[in-house]
Each structure stands twice: as structure tokens, then as C-alpha cells.
C-alpha atoms as a PDB file:
ATOM      1  CA  MET A   1      85.052 100.676 126.942  1.00  0.00           C
ATOM      2  CA  ASP A   2      84.748 104.455 127.045  1.00  0.00           C
ATOM      3  CA  TYR A   3      87.604 105.308 124.684  1.00  0.00           C
ATOM      4  CA  LEU A   4      90.087 103.677 122.331  1.00  0.00           C
ATOM      5  CA  PRO A   5      93.429 102.894 124.003  1.00  0.00           C
ATOM      6  CA  LYS A   6      96.529 104.881 123.024  1.00  0.00           C
ATOM      7  CA  ASP A   7      99.036 102.025 123.222  1.00  0.00           C
ATOM      8  CA  PRO A   8      99.328 100.481 119.709  1.00  0.00           C
ATOM      9  CA  ALA A   9      99.353  96.843 120.892  1.00  0.00           C
ATOM     10  CA  ILE A  10      96.332  97.317 123.135  1.00  0.00           C
ATOM     11  CA  LEU A  11      94.557  99.336 120.446  1.00  0.00           C
ATOM     12  CA  VAL A  12      95.039  96.555 117.861  1.00  0.00           C
ATOM     13  CA  SER A  13      93.821  93.964 120.330  1.00  0.00           C
ATOM     14  CA  SER A  14      90.775  96.022 121.306  1.00  0.00           C
ATOM     15  CA  VAL A  15      89.751  96.875 117.750  1.00  0.00           C
ATOM     16  CA  ASN A  16      90.196  93.297 116.533  1.00  0.00           C
ATOM     17  CA  MET A  17      88.231  91.955 119.522  1.00  0.00           C
ATOM     18  CA  LEU A  18      85.333  94.378 119.043  1.00  0.00           C
ATOM     19  CA  LEU A  19      85.101  93.477 115.355  1.00  0.00           C
ATOM     20  CA  ARG A  20      85.533  89.729 115.949  1.00  0.00           C
ATOM     21  CA  ASP A  21      82.851  89.677 118.644  1.00  0.00           C
ATOM     22  CA  GLU A  22      80.568  91.595 116.274  1.00  0.00           C
ATOM     23  CA  GLU A  23      80.135  94.569 118.577  1.00  0.00           C
ATOM     24  CA  PHE A  24      80.586  96.615 115.377  1.00  0.00           C
ATOM     25  CA  ASP A  25      80.145  95.555 111.768  1.00  0.00           C
ATOM     26  CA  SER A  26      82.951  97.685 110.315  1.00  0.00           C
ATOM     27  CA  LEU A  27      86.067  99.596 111.258  1.00  0.00           C
ATOM     28  CA  GLU A  28      84.302 102.803 110.266  1.00  0.00           C
ATOM     29  CA  ALA A  29      81.355 102.182 112.618  1.00  0.00           C
ATOM     30  CA  LEU A  30      83.728 101.342 115.469  1.00  0.00           C
ATOM     31  CA  CYS A  31      85.857 104.462 114.928  1.00  0.00           C
ATOM     32  CA  TYR A  32      82.884 106.804 114.681  1.00  0.00           C
ATOM     33  CA  ALA A  33      81.391 105.343 117.885  1.00  0.00           C
ATOM     34  CA  PHE A  34      84.586 106.349 119.695  1.00  0.00           C
ATOM     35  CA  GLY A  35      84.895 109.750 117.999  1.00  0.00           C
ATOM     36  CA  ARG A  36      87.854 108.837 115.768  1.00  0.00           C
ATOM     37  CA  GLU A  37      88.397 108.964 112.033  1.00  0.00           C
ATOM     38  CA  PRO A  38      89.109 105.556 110.462  1.00  0.00           C
ATOM     39  CA  MET A  39      92.109 106.910 108.519  1.00  0.00           C
ATOM     40  CA  GLU A  40      93.543 108.364 111.714  1.00  0.00           C
ATOM     41  CA  VAL A  41      93.450 104.921 113.355  1.00  0.00           C
ATOM     42  CA  ARG A  42      94.742 103.157 110.218  1.00  0.00           C
ATOM     43  CA  ASN A  43      97.651 105.570 109.809  1.00  0.00           C
ATOM     44  CA  TYR A  44      98.540 105.474 113.500  1.00  0.00           C
ATOM     45  CA  LEU A  45      98.639 101.675 113.533  1.00  0.00           C
ATOM     46  CA  PHE A  46     100.440 101.528 110.173  1.00  0.00           C
ATOM     47  CA  SER A  47     103.183 103.683 111.668  1.00  0.00           C
ATOM     48  CA  HIS A  48     103.462 101.079 114.461  1.00  0.00           C
ATOM     49  CA  GLY A  49     103.709  98.070 112.134  1.00  0.00           C
ATOM     50  CA  PHE A  50     100.092  97.028 111.559  1.00  0.00           C
ATOM     51  CA  VAL A  51      98.127  96.984 108.324  1.00  0.00           C
ATOM     52  CA  TRP A  52      94.342  96.769 107.928  1.00  0.00           C
ATOM     53  CA  SER A  53      93.088  93.627 106.183  1.00  0.00           C
ATOM     54  CA  GLU A  54      89.670  94.242 104.679  1.00  0.00           C
ATOM     55  CA  GLU A  55      89.386  90.543 103.851  1.00  0.00           C
ATOM     56  CA  GLN A  56      90.020  89.471 107.455  1.00  0.00           C
ATOM     57  CA  LYS A  57      88.348  92.568 108.962  1.00  0.00           C
ATOM     58  CA  GLN A  58      91.266  93.013 111.340  1.00  0.00           C
ATOM     59  CA  PHE A  59      94.619  94.666 111.801  1.00  0.00           C
ATOM     60  CA  ARG A  60      97.561  92.349 111.153  1.00  0.00           C
ATOM     61  CA  PRO A  61     101.307  92.814 111.558  1.00  0.00           C
ATOM     62  CA  ILE A  62     102.942  94.018 108.364  1.00  0.00           C
ATOM     63  CA  GLY A  63     104.388  90.955 106.645  1.00  0.00           C
ATOM     64  CA  TYR A  64     102.146  88.413 108.412  1.00  0.00           C
ATOM     65  CA  ASP A  65     100.630  85.890 105.994  1.00  0.00           C
ATOM     66  CA  GLY A  66     102.165  87.710 103.064  1.00  0.00           C
ATOM     67  CA  ALA A  67     100.569  91.036 103.992  1.00  0.00           C
ATOM     68  CA  THR A  68     102.787  93.750 102.618  1.00  0.00           C
ATOM     69  CA  ALA A  69     103.306  97.300 103.598  1.00  0.00           C
ATOM     70  CA  ILE A  70     100.898  99.454 101.651  1.00  0.00           C
ATOM     71  CA  GLU A  71     100.914 103.143 101.032  1.00  0.00           C
ATOM     72  CA  ARG A  72      98.823 105.199 103.359  1.00  0.00           C
ATOM     73  CA  GLU A  73      95.639 106.232 101.638  1.00  0.00           C
ATOM     74  CA  ASP A  74      96.384 109.852 102.403  1.00  0.00           C
ATOM     75  CA  ASP A  75     100.122 110.487 102.610  1.00  0.00           C
ATOM     76  CA  SER A  76      99.504 114.121 103.419  1.00  0.00           C
ATOM     77  CA  ALA A  77      97.439 113.273 106.491  1.00  0.00           C
ATOM     78  CA  GLU A  78      99.226 113.897 109.719  1.00  0.00           C
ATOM     79  CA  VAL A  79      99.459 110.792 111.865  1.00  0.00           C
ATOM     80  CA  LYS A  80      97.708 111.615 115.107  1.00  0.00           C
ATOM     81  CA  LYS A  81      97.782 109.667 118.312  1.00  0.00           C
ATOM     82  CA  CYS A  82      94.495 108.017 119.187  1.00  0.00           C
END
């Protein structure tokens, strides 16, 4: 994979697969390998209904398994497309 996909559903699937298959050991390492900021990816996916679960090391739909919508870590950050 040369770049992270722009479509939110494909992006979630790709990120979760790369982390699950242990291609990368953290979201930060994955994002930096593709030239993206972790908060940029988190905010983009949050705006499309996905929240990062540090415990599961994956993005999950907001509300799944009791996951609740959380505040963005940087509300002033502009949400950029990946």
C-alpha cells in the first residue's frame, strides 16, 4: 500500500488490518510511515463515526460495545481529508 485511502470505510479497514496483522505496532508508527499525523486521521475518522480504542488498538464505530463519542483531543484542529 503506497498511501492511506481517502474513503472512511476503506481507511478504517486498512488501518485496523495493518495493526491487527502487526505490520505496525502503533497508530502513530502507521501514520508516520504514510506521512500523516495521527490526530489528523483520528479526527477525520471521528467525524465519520469512528472512535479510536487504545485498548483494542483499532478504530470502532461510535457506540459499539459501549464506546462513546469522545471529545477530539484538539478541538481547534481542522479536520483534514487523508
